[in-house]
């Protein structure tokens, strides 16, 4: 779904700069998930499952192209 946009952005930015941006976005998303888990008292195992789910959803949507 988003793969063409991601690939275009990667081509325009260059691989190194794109990887830096992607890493920052992934880290920020993991922080949001951690804050959510802390707020609702979820254990670290549930947090890991949510991060794994987010990664799998990103693959399905084409964000990890």
PDB file of N, CA and C in Angstrom:
ATOM      1  N   UNK A   1       0.822  -1.190   0.000  1.00  0.00           N
ATOM      2  CA  UNK A   1       0.000   0.000   0.000  1.00  0.00           C
ATOM      3  C   UNK A   1       0.871   1.262   0.000  1.00  0.00           C
ATOM      4  N   UNK A   2       1.791   1.356   0.958  1.00  0.00           N
ATOM      5  CA  UNK A   2       2.659   2.521   1.042  1.00  0.00           C
ATOM      6  C   UNK A   2       4.024   2.291   0.409  1.00  0.00           C
ATOM      7  N   UNK A   3       4.279   1.075  -0.040  1.00  0.00           N
ATOM      8  CA  UNK A   3       5.603   0.725  -0.549  1.00  0.00           C
ATOM      9  C   UNK A   3       6.095   1.663  -1.654  1.00  0.00           C
ATOM     10  N   UNK A   4       5.278   2.039  -2.639  1.00  0.00           N
ATOM     11  CA  UNK A   4       5.784   2.947  -3.671  1.00  0.00           C
ATOM     12  C   UNK A   4       6.232   4.302  -3.108  1.00  0.00           C
ATOM     13  N   UNK A   5       5.505   4.805  -2.136  1.00  0.00           N
ATOM     14  CA  UNK A   5       5.867   6.090  -1.522  1.00  0.00           C
ATOM     15  C   UNK A   5       7.171   5.944  -0.754  1.00  0.00           C
ATOM     16  N   UNK A   6       7.300   4.851  -0.004  1.00  0.00           N
ATOM     17  CA  UNK A   6       8.517   4.601   0.771  1.00  0.00           C
ATOM     18  C   UNK A   6       9.712   4.467  -0.157  1.00  0.00           C
ATOM     19  N   UNK A   7       9.548   3.723  -1.237  1.00  0.00           N
ATOM     20  CA  UNK A   7      10.649   3.531  -2.181  1.00  0.00           C
ATOM     21  C   UNK A   7      11.030   4.838  -2.876  1.00  0.00           C
ATOM     22  N   UNK A   8      10.058   5.654  -3.219  1.00  0.00           N
ATOM     23  CA  UNK A   8      10.334   6.946  -3.831  1.00  0.00           C
ATOM     24  C   UNK A   8      11.089   7.848  -2.862  1.00  0.00           C
ATOM     25  N   UNK A   9      10.629   7.881  -1.617  1.00  0.00           N
ATOM     26  CA  UNK A   9      11.289   8.684  -0.601  1.00  0.00           C
ATOM     27  C   UNK A   9      12.722   8.221  -0.393  1.00  0.00           C
ATOM     28  N   UNK A  10      12.933   6.900  -0.346  1.00  0.00           N
ATOM     29  CA  UNK A  10      14.279   6.347  -0.176  1.00  0.00           C
ATOM     30  C   UNK A  10      15.179   6.752  -1.345  1.00  0.00           C
ATOM     31  N   UNK A  11      14.634   6.710  -2.568  1.00  0.00           N
ATOM     32  CA  UNK A  11      15.423   7.083  -3.739  1.00  0.00           C
ATOM     33  C   UNK A  11      15.773   8.568  -3.722  1.00  0.00           C
ATOM     34  N   UNK A  12      14.843   9.403  -3.292  1.00  0.00           N
ATOM     35  CA  UNK A  12      15.078  10.852  -3.266  1.00  0.00           C
ATOM     36  C   UNK A  12      16.066  11.253  -2.176  1.00  0.00           C
ATOM     37  N   UNK A  13      15.939  10.619  -0.996  1.00  0.00           N
ATOM     38  CA  UNK A  13      16.775  10.986   0.153  1.00  0.00           C
ATOM     39  C   UNK A  13      18.152  10.351   0.107  1.00  0.00           C
ATOM     40  N   UNK A  14      18.233   9.191  -0.484  1.00  0.00           N
ATOM     41  CA  UNK A  14      19.460   8.413  -0.417  1.00  0.00           C
ATOM     42  C   UNK A  14      19.325   7.383   0.697  1.00  0.00           C
ATOM     43  N   UNK A  15      19.974   6.269   0.521  1.00  0.00           N
ATOM     44  CA  UNK A  15      19.819   5.142   1.448  1.00  0.00           C
ATOM     45  C   UNK A  15      20.252   5.500   2.867  1.00  0.00           C
ATOM     46  N   UNK A  16      21.382   6.153   3.034  1.00  0.00           N
ATOM     47  CA  UNK A  16      21.900   6.438   4.374  1.00  0.00           C
ATOM     48  C   UNK A  16      20.964   7.379   5.144  1.00  0.00           C
ATOM     49  N   UNK A  17      20.564   8.467   4.511  1.00  0.00           N
ATOM     50  CA  UNK A  17      19.682   9.425   5.184  1.00  0.00           C
ATOM     51  C   UNK A  17      18.310   8.808   5.452  1.00  0.00           C
ATOM     52  N   UNK A  18      17.820   8.004   4.523  1.00  0.00           N
ATOM     53  CA  UNK A  18      16.543   7.324   4.704  1.00  0.00           C
ATOM     54  C   UNK A  18      16.604   6.373   5.896  1.00  0.00           C
ATOM     55  N   UNK A  19      17.699   5.618   6.020  1.00  0.00           N
ATOM     56  CA  UNK A  19      17.844   4.682   7.134  1.00  0.00           C
ATOM     57  C   UNK A  19      17.876   5.412   8.471  1.00  0.00           C
ATOM     58  N   UNK A  20      18.505   6.591   8.511  1.00  0.00           N
ATOM     59  CA  UNK A  20      18.528   7.385   9.740  1.00  0.00           C
ATOM     60  C   UNK A  20      17.123   7.832  10.108  1.00  0.00           C
ATOM     61  N   UNK A  21      16.388   8.334   9.136  1.00  0.00           N
ATOM     62  CA  UNK A  21      15.016   8.781   9.375  1.00  0.00           C
ATOM     63  C   UNK A  21      14.140   7.612   9.811  1.00  0.00           C
ATOM     64  N   UNK A  22      14.278   6.496   9.139  1.00  0.00           N
ATOM     65  CA  UNK A  22      13.503   5.303   9.471  1.00  0.00           C
ATOM     66  C   UNK A  22      13.803   4.834  10.890  1.00  0.00           C
ATOM     67  N   UNK A  23      15.075   4.838  11.266  1.00  0.00           N
ATOM     68  CA  UNK A  23      15.471   4.438  12.619  1.00  0.00           C
ATOM     69  C   UNK A  23      14.877   5.349  13.678  1.00  0.00           C
ATOM     70  N   UNK A  24      14.876   6.652  13.409  1.00  0.00           N
ATOM     71  CA  UNK A  24      14.287   7.603  14.351  1.00  0.00           C
ATOM     72  C   UNK A  24      12.790   7.388  14.483  1.00  0.00           C
ATOM     73  N   UNK A  25      12.122   7.123  13.369  1.00  0.00           N
ATOM     74  CA  UNK A  25      10.672   6.892  13.397  1.00  0.00           C
ATOM     75  C   UNK A  25      10.347   5.613  14.170  1.00  0.00           C
ATOM     76  N   UNK A  26      11.120   4.571  13.960  1.00  0.00           N
ATOM     77  CA  UNK A  26      10.894   3.312  14.671  1.00  0.00           C
ATOM     78  C   UNK A  26      11.128   3.499  16.168  1.00  0.00           C
ATOM     79  N   UNK A  27      12.193   4.213  16.538  1.00  0.00           N
ATOM     80  CA  UNK A  27      12.486   4.462  17.948  1.00  0.00           C
ATOM     81  C   UNK A  27      11.366   5.278  18.602  1.00  0.00           C
ATOM     82  N   UNK A  28      10.882   6.291  17.899  1.00  0.00           N
ATOM     83  CA  UNK A  28       9.795   7.113  18.428  1.00  0.00           C
ATOM     84  C   UNK A  28       8.533   6.275  18.617  1.00  0.00           C
ATOM     85  N   UNK A  29       8.233   5.421  17.660  1.00  0.00           N
ATOM     86  CA  UNK A  29       7.052   4.568  17.760  1.00  0.00           C
ATOM     87  C   UNK A  29       7.181   3.597  18.934  1.00  0.00           C
ATOM     88  N   UNK A  30       8.363   3.044  19.147  1.00  0.00           N
ATOM     89  CA  UNK A  30       8.592   2.145  20.280  1.00  0.00           C
ATOM     90  C   UNK A  30       8.412   2.899  21.598  1.00  0.00           C
ATOM     91  N   UNK A  31       8.820   4.175  21.650  1.00  0.00           N
ATOM     92  CA  UNK A  31       8.634   4.991  22.852  1.00  0.00           C
ATOM     93  C   UNK A  31       7.153   5.219  23.131  1.00  0.00           C
ATOM     94  N   UNK A  32       6.376   5.439  22.092  1.00  0.00           N
ATOM     95  CA  UNK A  32       4.933   5.632  22.251  1.00  0.00           C
ATOM     96  C   UNK A  32       4.298   4.355  22.802  1.00  0.00           C
ATOM     97  N   UNK A  33       4.699   3.217  22.261  1.00  0.00           N
ATOM     98  CA  UNK A  33       4.168   1.941  22.741  1.00  0.00           C
ATOM     99  C   UNK A  33       4.561   1.730  24.202  1.00  0.00           C
ATOM    100  N   UNK A  34       5.798   2.035  24.559  1.00  0.00           N
ATOM    101  CA  UNK A  34       6.264   1.889  25.938  1.00  0.00           C
ATOM    102  C   UNK A  34       5.484   2.800  26.877  1.00  0.00           C
ATOM    103  N   UNK A  35       5.259   4.039  26.467  1.00  0.00           N
ATOM    104  CA  UNK A  35       4.489   4.969  27.299  1.00  0.00           C
ATOM    105  C   UNK A  35       3.063   4.459  27.495  1.00  0.00           C
ATOM    106  N   UNK A  36       2.472   3.918  26.449  1.00  0.00           N
ATOM    107  CA  UNK A  36       1.127   3.345  26.531  1.00  0.00           C
ATOM    108  C   UNK A  36       1.113   2.198  27.550  1.00  0.00           C
ATOM    109  N   UNK A  37       2.095   1.307  27.445  1.00  0.00           N
ATOM    110  CA  UNK A  37       2.166   0.161  28.359  1.00  0.00           C
ATOM    111  C   UNK A  37       2.370   0.616  29.796  1.00  0.00           C
ATOM    112  N   UNK A  38       3.221   1.610  30.002  1.00  0.00           N
ATOM    113  CA  UNK A  38       3.456   2.132  31.352  1.00  0.00           C
ATOM    114  C   UNK A  38       2.189   2.763  31.919  1.00  0.00           C
ATOM    115  N   UNK A  39       1.476   3.493  31.102  1.00  0.00           N
ATOM    116  CA  UNK A  39       0.258   4.170  31.556  1.00  0.00           C
ATOM    117  C   UNK A  39      -0.813   3.177  31.998  1.00  0.00           C
ATOM    118  N   UNK A  40      -0.919   2.071  31.275  1.00  0.00           N
ATOM    119  CA  UNK A  40      -1.963   1.097  31.572  1.00  0.00           C
ATOM    120  C   UNK A  40      -1.453  -0.126  32.335  1.00  0.00           C
ATOM    121  N   UNK A  41      -0.190  -0.074  32.782  1.00  0.00           N
ATOM    122  CA  UNK A  41       0.352  -1.122  33.633  1.00  0.00           C
ATOM    123  C   UNK A  41       0.563  -2.459  32.953  1.00  0.00           C
ATOM    124  N   UNK A  42       0.859  -2.441  31.682  1.00  0.00           N
ATOM    125  CA  UNK A  42       1.123  -3.692  30.964  1.00  0.00           C
ATOM    126  C   UNK A  42       2.560  -4.138  31.214  1.00  0.00           C
ATOM    127  N   UNK A  43       2.757  -5.435  31.274  1.00  0.00           N
ATOM    128  CA  UNK A  43       4.084  -5.984  31.522  1.00  0.00           C
ATOM    129  C   UNK A  43       4.958  -5.866  30.281  1.00  0.00           C
ATOM    130  N   UNK A  44       6.260  -6.055  30.485  1.00  0.00           N
ATOM    131  CA  UNK A  44       7.207  -5.906  29.378  1.00  0.00           C
ATOM    132  C   UNK A  44       6.953  -6.931  28.276  1.00  0.00           C
ATOM    133  N   UNK A  45       6.459  -8.108  28.634  1.00  0.00           N
ATOM    134  CA  UNK A  45       6.167  -9.122  27.621  1.00  0.00           C
ATOM    135  C   UNK A  45       5.055  -8.636  26.687  1.00  0.00           C
ATOM    136  N   UNK A  46       4.041  -7.986  27.246  1.00  0.00           N
ATOM    137  CA  UNK A  46       2.966  -7.424  26.424  1.00  0.00           C
ATOM    138  C   UNK A  46       3.499  -6.292  25.547  1.00  0.00           C
ATOM    139  N   UNK A  47       4.411  -5.496  26.102  1.00  0.00           N
ATOM    140  CA  UNK A  47       5.027  -4.415  25.325  1.00  0.00           C
ATOM    141  C   UNK A  47       5.774  -4.987  24.131  1.00  0.00           C
ATOM    142  N   UNK A  48       6.526  -6.049  24.361  1.00  0.00           N
ATOM    143  CA  UNK A  48       7.259  -6.689  23.271  1.00  0.00           C
ATOM    144  C   UNK A  48       6.302  -7.218  22.214  1.00  0.00           C
ATOM    145  N   UNK A  49       5.185  -7.784  22.646  1.00  0.00           N
ATOM    146  CA  UNK A  49       4.198  -8.283  21.702  1.00  0.00           C
ATOM    147  C   UNK A  49       3.599  -7.157  20.871  1.00  0.00           C
ATOM    148  N   UNK A  50       3.351  -6.011  21.500  1.00  0.00           N
ATOM    149  CA  UNK A  50       2.814  -4.865  20.765  1.00  0.00           C
ATOM    150  C   UNK A  50       3.815  -4.328  19.746  1.00  0.00           C
ATOM    151  N   UNK A  51       5.087  -4.275  20.133  1.00  0.00           N
ATOM    152  CA  UNK A  51       6.123  -3.819  19.196  1.00  0.00           C
ATOM    153  C   UNK A  51       6.239  -4.805  18.033  1.00  0.00           C
ATOM    154  N   UNK A  52       6.181  -6.089  18.323  1.00  0.00           N
ATOM    155  CA  UNK A  52       6.223  -7.110  17.269  1.00  0.00           C
ATOM    156  C   UNK A  52       5.022  -6.967  16.332  1.00  0.00           C
ATOM    157  N   UNK A  53       3.848  -6.716  16.908  1.00  0.00           N
ATOM    158  CA  UNK A  53       2.641  -6.514  16.116  1.00  0.00           C
ATOM    159  C   UNK A  53       2.780  -5.283  15.215  1.00  0.00           C
ATOM    160  N   UNK A  54       3.333  -4.198  15.752  1.00  0.00           N
ATOM    161  CA  UNK A  54       3.539  -2.986  14.961  1.00  0.00           C
ATOM    162  C   UNK A  54       4.484  -3.253  13.797  1.00  0.00           C
ATOM    163  N   UNK A  55       5.535  -4.020  14.044  1.00  0.00           N
ATOM    164  CA  UNK A  55       6.486  -4.356  12.973  1.00  0.00           C
ATOM    165  C   UNK A  55       5.804  -5.180  11.884  1.00  0.00           C
ATOM    166  N   UNK A  56       5.009  -6.157  12.286  1.00  0.00           N
ATOM    167  CA  UNK A  56       4.307  -6.990  11.307  1.00  0.00           C
ATOM    168  C   UNK A  56       3.300  -6.173  10.506  1.00  0.00           C
ATOM    169  N   UNK A  57       2.606  -5.265  11.176  1.00  0.00           N
ATOM    170  CA  UNK A  57       1.656  -4.398  10.464  1.00  0.00           C
ATOM    171  C   UNK A  57       2.384  -3.489   9.480  1.00  0.00           C
ATOM    172  N   UNK A  58       3.555  -2.992   9.863  1.00  0.00           N
ATOM    173  CA  UNK A  58       4.352  -2.167   8.957  1.00  0.00           C
ATOM    174  C   UNK A  58       4.762  -2.923   7.709  1.00  0.00           C
ATOM    175  N   UNK A  59       5.089  -4.184   7.877  1.00  0.00           N
ATOM    176  CA  UNK A  59       5.440  -5.012   6.720  1.00  0.00           C
ATOM    177  C   UNK A  59       4.232  -5.174   5.792  1.00  0.00           C
ATOM    178  N   UNK A  60       3.078  -5.460   6.388  1.00  0.00           N
ATOM    179  CA  UNK A  60       1.865  -5.667   5.591  1.00  0.00           C
ATOM    180  C   UNK A  60       1.459  -4.402   4.834  1.00  0.00           C
ATOM    181  N   UNK A  61       1.675  -3.236   5.464  1.00  0.00           N
ATOM    182  CA  UNK A  61       1.295  -1.968   4.828  1.00  0.00           C
ATOM    183  C   UNK A  61       2.338  -1.483   3.830  1.00  0.00           C
ATOM    184  N   UNK A  62       3.491  -2.120   3.813  1.00  0.00           N
ATOM    185  CA  UNK A  62       4.527  -1.718   2.872  1.00  0.00           C
ATOM    186  C   UNK A  62       5.413  -0.611   3.401  1.00  0.00           C
ATOM    187  N   UNK A  63       5.363  -0.341   4.704  1.00  0.00           N
ATOM    188  CA  UNK A  63       6.193   0.724   5.270  1.00  0.00           C
ATOM    189  C   UNK A  63       7.636   0.289   5.441  1.00  0.00           C
ATOM    190  N   UNK A  64       7.882  -0.999   5.408  1.00  0.00           N
ATOM    191  CA  UNK A  64       9.247  -1.512   5.578  1.00  0.00           C
ATOM    192  C   UNK A  64       9.838  -1.978   4.259  1.00  0.00           C
ATOM    193  N   UNK A  65       9.377  -1.377   3.170  1.00  0.00           N
ATOM    194  CA  UNK A  65       9.833  -1.773   1.828  1.00  0.00           C
ATOM    195  C   UNK A  65      11.287  -1.397   1.617  1.00  0.00           C
TER     196      UNK A  65
END
